[in-house]
Amino acid sequence: ALRFHSVVITEAGIADATDMLRPAHLVEHLLAVREAQRLGVPVHGFVYGAVSDGWEWADGYCPKAGLVAVNRSAADLPRSR
């Protein structure tokens, strides 16, 4: 049997240009964490990759990766969930 002292999941998330995959991806990962804990894995942390959408060197602002979307076409850069 595997024994873990402590597990912390870091940089969780997915960059998605159409923003269609991200919500389900996050829910599926959180359900998997809950199942791992139910099975006795000591998951002590889950860190999502980014709070807000940001600049990606290869793709600019195109892929959405943050928990909060930023509307870059509006002058005041409104945020939404």
N, C-alpha and C. Protein backbone atom coordinates (compact mmCIF):
# COMPACT_ATOMS: atom_id res chain seq x y z
N ALA A 1 0.83 -1.18 0.00
CA ALA A 1 0.00 0.00 0.00
C ALA A 1 0.88 1.25 0.00
N LEU A 2 0.45 2.25 -0.73
CA LEU A 2 1.18 3.51 -0.76
C LEU A 2 0.90 4.29 0.52
N ARG A 3 1.93 4.99 1.01
CA ARG A 3 1.77 5.84 2.18
C ARG A 3 2.25 7.24 1.81
N PHE A 4 1.45 8.20 2.12
CA PHE A 4 1.78 9.59 1.85
C PHE A 4 1.84 10.34 3.17
N HIS A 5 2.81 11.22 3.31
CA HIS A 5 2.86 12.08 4.49
C HIS A 5 1.90 13.24 4.32
N SER A 6 1.92 13.85 3.15
CA SER A 6 1.06 14.98 2.86
C SER A 6 1.11 15.26 1.37
N VAL A 7 -0.03 15.57 0.80
CA VAL A 7 -0.11 15.87 -0.63
C VAL A 7 -0.66 17.28 -0.79
N VAL A 8 0.02 18.09 -1.59
CA VAL A 8 -0.46 19.42 -1.95
C VAL A 8 -0.48 19.49 -3.47
N ILE A 9 -1.62 19.76 -4.04
CA ILE A 9 -1.77 19.87 -5.48
C ILE A 9 -1.55 21.33 -5.85
N THR A 10 -0.59 21.59 -6.74
CA THR A 10 -0.27 22.96 -7.13
C THR A 10 -0.44 23.16 -8.62
N GLU A 11 -0.63 24.40 -9.02
CA GLU A 11 -0.76 24.78 -10.42
C GLU A 11 -1.86 24.01 -11.13
N ALA A 12 -2.96 23.76 -10.44
CA ALA A 12 -4.10 23.10 -11.05
C ALA A 12 -4.79 24.08 -11.98
N GLY A 13 -5.32 23.60 -13.07
CA GLY A 13 -6.03 24.46 -13.99
C GLY A 13 -5.76 24.09 -15.43
N ILE A 14 -6.46 24.76 -16.32
CA ILE A 14 -6.31 24.50 -17.75
C ILE A 14 -6.50 25.81 -18.50
N ALA A 15 -5.68 26.03 -19.50
CA ALA A 15 -5.84 27.21 -20.37
C ALA A 15 -6.76 26.80 -21.52
N ASP A 16 -7.80 27.58 -21.74
CA ASP A 16 -8.82 27.21 -22.71
C ASP A 16 -9.24 28.46 -23.49
N ALA A 17 -8.94 28.49 -24.77
CA ALA A 17 -9.23 29.68 -25.58
C ALA A 17 -10.72 29.97 -25.68
N THR A 18 -11.54 28.94 -25.68
CA THR A 18 -12.99 29.14 -25.81
C THR A 18 -13.70 29.20 -24.46
N ASP A 19 -13.00 28.88 -23.40
CA ASP A 19 -13.54 28.88 -22.04
C ASP A 19 -14.67 27.88 -21.85
N MET A 20 -14.65 26.81 -22.64
CA MET A 20 -15.68 25.77 -22.54
C MET A 20 -15.22 24.62 -21.64
N LEU A 21 -13.93 24.39 -21.52
CA LEU A 21 -13.42 23.24 -20.76
C LEU A 21 -13.14 23.55 -19.30
N ARG A 22 -12.79 24.79 -19.02
CA ARG A 22 -12.29 25.18 -17.70
C ARG A 22 -13.25 24.87 -16.55
N PRO A 23 -14.52 25.24 -16.61
CA PRO A 23 -15.39 24.98 -15.46
C PRO A 23 -15.50 23.50 -15.11
N ALA A 24 -15.74 22.64 -16.09
CA ALA A 24 -15.86 21.21 -15.83
C ALA A 24 -14.54 20.62 -15.35
N HIS A 25 -13.44 21.11 -15.91
CA HIS A 25 -12.11 20.64 -15.52
C HIS A 25 -11.88 20.88 -14.03
N LEU A 26 -12.23 22.06 -13.55
CA LEU A 26 -12.05 22.39 -12.14
C LEU A 26 -12.93 21.52 -11.25
N VAL A 27 -14.19 21.37 -11.62
CA VAL A 27 -15.11 20.54 -10.82
C VAL A 27 -14.62 19.09 -10.77
N GLU A 28 -14.21 18.55 -11.90
CA GLU A 28 -13.72 17.16 -11.94
C GLU A 28 -12.50 16.98 -11.05
N HIS A 29 -11.59 17.94 -11.04
CA HIS A 29 -10.41 17.83 -10.20
C HIS A 29 -10.75 17.91 -8.72
N LEU A 30 -11.67 18.80 -8.37
CA LEU A 30 -12.07 18.90 -6.96
C LEU A 30 -12.80 17.64 -6.50
N LEU A 31 -13.60 17.04 -7.36
CA LEU A 31 -14.24 15.77 -7.02
C LEU A 31 -13.21 14.66 -6.84
N ALA A 32 -12.17 14.66 -7.67
CA ALA A 32 -11.10 13.67 -7.54
C ALA A 32 -10.33 13.86 -6.24
N VAL A 33 -10.12 15.11 -5.83
CA VAL A 33 -9.46 15.38 -4.55
C VAL A 33 -10.31 14.84 -3.41
N ARG A 34 -11.61 15.10 -3.47
CA ARG A 34 -12.50 14.60 -2.41
C ARG A 34 -12.47 13.07 -2.35
N GLU A 35 -12.46 12.42 -3.51
CA GLU A 35 -12.41 10.96 -3.55
C GLU A 35 -11.09 10.45 -2.98
N ALA A 36 -9.98 11.10 -3.33
CA ALA A 36 -8.68 10.71 -2.78
C ALA A 36 -8.68 10.82 -1.26
N GLN A 37 -9.25 11.90 -0.74
CA GLN A 37 -9.33 12.08 0.71
C GLN A 37 -10.20 10.99 1.34
N ARG A 38 -11.29 10.66 0.68
CA ARG A 38 -12.17 9.60 1.18
C ARG A 38 -11.43 8.27 1.26
N LEU A 39 -10.51 8.05 0.33
CA LEU A 39 -9.73 6.81 0.31
C LEU A 39 -8.52 6.85 1.26
N GLY A 40 -8.35 7.99 1.94
CA GLY A 40 -7.29 8.07 2.93
C GLY A 40 -6.04 8.81 2.51
N VAL A 41 -6.02 9.38 1.32
CA VAL A 41 -4.86 10.16 0.89
C VAL A 41 -4.92 11.51 1.61
N PRO A 42 -3.87 11.89 2.32
CA PRO A 42 -3.88 13.14 3.08
C PRO A 42 -3.62 14.36 2.19
N VAL A 43 -4.64 14.76 1.44
CA VAL A 43 -4.52 15.95 0.60
C VAL A 43 -4.70 17.16 1.51
N HIS A 44 -3.65 17.96 1.64
CA HIS A 44 -3.66 19.09 2.56
C HIS A 44 -3.71 20.44 1.85
N GLY A 45 -3.78 20.42 0.52
CA GLY A 45 -3.85 21.69 -0.18
C GLY A 45 -4.17 21.51 -1.65
N PHE A 46 -4.83 22.51 -2.20
CA PHE A 46 -5.16 22.55 -3.62
C PHE A 46 -4.99 23.99 -4.06
N VAL A 47 -4.05 24.26 -4.95
CA VAL A 47 -3.76 25.62 -5.38
C VAL A 47 -4.08 25.73 -6.87
N TYR A 48 -5.06 26.58 -7.17
CA TYR A 48 -5.39 26.80 -8.57
C TYR A 48 -4.29 27.65 -9.20
N GLY A 49 -4.05 27.47 -10.48
CA GLY A 49 -2.92 28.11 -11.15
C GLY A 49 -2.92 29.62 -11.17
N ALA A 50 -4.08 30.26 -11.36
CA ALA A 50 -4.12 31.72 -11.48
C ALA A 50 -5.46 32.25 -11.01
N VAL A 51 -5.43 33.39 -10.35
CA VAL A 51 -6.67 34.03 -9.91
C VAL A 51 -7.37 34.68 -11.10
N SER A 52 -6.63 35.40 -11.94
CA SER A 52 -7.25 36.05 -13.09
C SER A 52 -6.51 35.68 -14.37
N ASP A 53 -7.19 35.85 -15.48
CA ASP A 53 -6.57 35.58 -16.78
C ASP A 53 -5.36 36.48 -16.94
N GLY A 54 -4.33 35.97 -17.55
CA GLY A 54 -3.12 36.76 -17.72
C GLY A 54 -2.49 36.55 -19.09
N TRP A 55 -1.34 37.13 -19.27
CA TRP A 55 -0.59 37.08 -20.52
C TRP A 55 0.16 35.76 -20.62
N GLU A 56 0.01 35.08 -21.74
CA GLU A 56 0.78 33.87 -22.04
C GLU A 56 1.74 34.22 -23.16
N TRP A 57 3.02 33.97 -22.96
CA TRP A 57 4.03 34.39 -23.93
C TRP A 57 3.77 33.88 -25.34
N ALA A 58 3.31 32.66 -25.46
CA ALA A 58 3.09 32.10 -26.80
C ALA A 58 1.75 32.52 -27.42
N ASP A 59 0.77 32.86 -26.57
CA ASP A 59 -0.58 33.09 -27.08
C ASP A 59 -1.19 34.44 -26.71
N GLY A 60 -0.47 35.29 -26.02
CA GLY A 60 -1.03 36.58 -25.60
C GLY A 60 -2.12 36.39 -24.57
N TYR A 61 -3.21 37.14 -24.69
CA TYR A 61 -4.31 37.05 -23.74
C TYR A 61 -5.38 36.04 -24.18
N CYS A 62 -5.13 35.30 -25.24
CA CYS A 62 -6.14 34.43 -25.81
C CYS A 62 -6.62 33.32 -24.87
N PRO A 63 -5.78 32.44 -24.37
CA PRO A 63 -6.35 31.38 -23.53
C PRO A 63 -6.81 31.91 -22.18
N LYS A 64 -7.95 31.43 -21.73
CA LYS A 64 -8.47 31.78 -20.42
C LYS A 64 -7.98 30.73 -19.43
N ALA A 65 -7.38 31.17 -18.34
CA ALA A 65 -6.85 30.21 -17.37
C ALA A 65 -7.20 30.56 -15.94
N GLY A 66 -7.59 31.78 -15.66
CA GLY A 66 -7.83 32.19 -14.28
C GLY A 66 -9.23 31.87 -13.79
N LEU A 67 -9.41 31.97 -12.48
CA LEU A 67 -10.73 31.79 -11.89
C LEU A 67 -11.64 32.97 -12.21
N VAL A 68 -11.05 34.14 -12.43
CA VAL A 68 -11.80 35.35 -12.75
C VAL A 68 -11.43 35.78 -14.16
N ALA A 69 -12.43 35.94 -15.02
CA ALA A 69 -12.19 36.38 -16.40
C ALA A 69 -12.02 37.89 -16.44
N VAL A 70 -11.14 38.35 -17.31
CA VAL A 70 -10.91 39.78 -17.50
C VAL A 70 -11.31 40.14 -18.92
N ASN A 71 -12.23 41.10 -19.07
CA ASN A 71 -12.65 41.55 -20.39
C ASN A 71 -11.65 42.59 -20.88
N ARG A 72 -10.70 42.18 -21.70
CA ARG A 72 -9.63 43.06 -22.16
C ARG A 72 -10.09 44.03 -23.24
N SER A 73 -11.28 43.85 -23.80
CA SER A 73 -11.76 44.76 -24.84
C SER A 73 -12.43 45.99 -24.25
N ALA A 74 -12.74 45.98 -22.95
CA ALA A 74 -13.36 47.12 -22.30
C ALA A 74 -12.27 47.98 -21.62
N ALA A 75 -12.44 49.27 -21.68
CA ALA A 75 -11.42 50.20 -21.15
C ALA A 75 -11.20 50.04 -19.66
N ASP A 76 -12.24 49.70 -18.89
CA ASP A 76 -12.08 49.59 -17.44
C ASP A 76 -11.75 48.18 -16.98
N LEU A 77 -11.53 47.23 -17.93
CA LEU A 77 -11.15 45.85 -17.65
C LEU A 77 -12.04 45.20 -16.59
N PRO A 78 -13.35 45.10 -16.84
CA PRO A 78 -14.23 44.49 -15.85
C PRO A 78 -13.93 43.01 -15.64
N ARG A 79 -14.12 42.54 -14.42
CA ARG A 79 -13.89 41.14 -14.07
C ARG A 79 -15.23 40.43 -13.89
N SER A 80 -15.24 39.15 -14.18
CA SER A 80 -16.44 38.34 -13.96
C SER A 80 -16.00 36.93 -13.58
N ARG A 81 -16.93 36.19 -13.00
CA ARG A 81 -16.62 34.79 -12.62
C ARG A 81 -17.20 33.85 -13.64
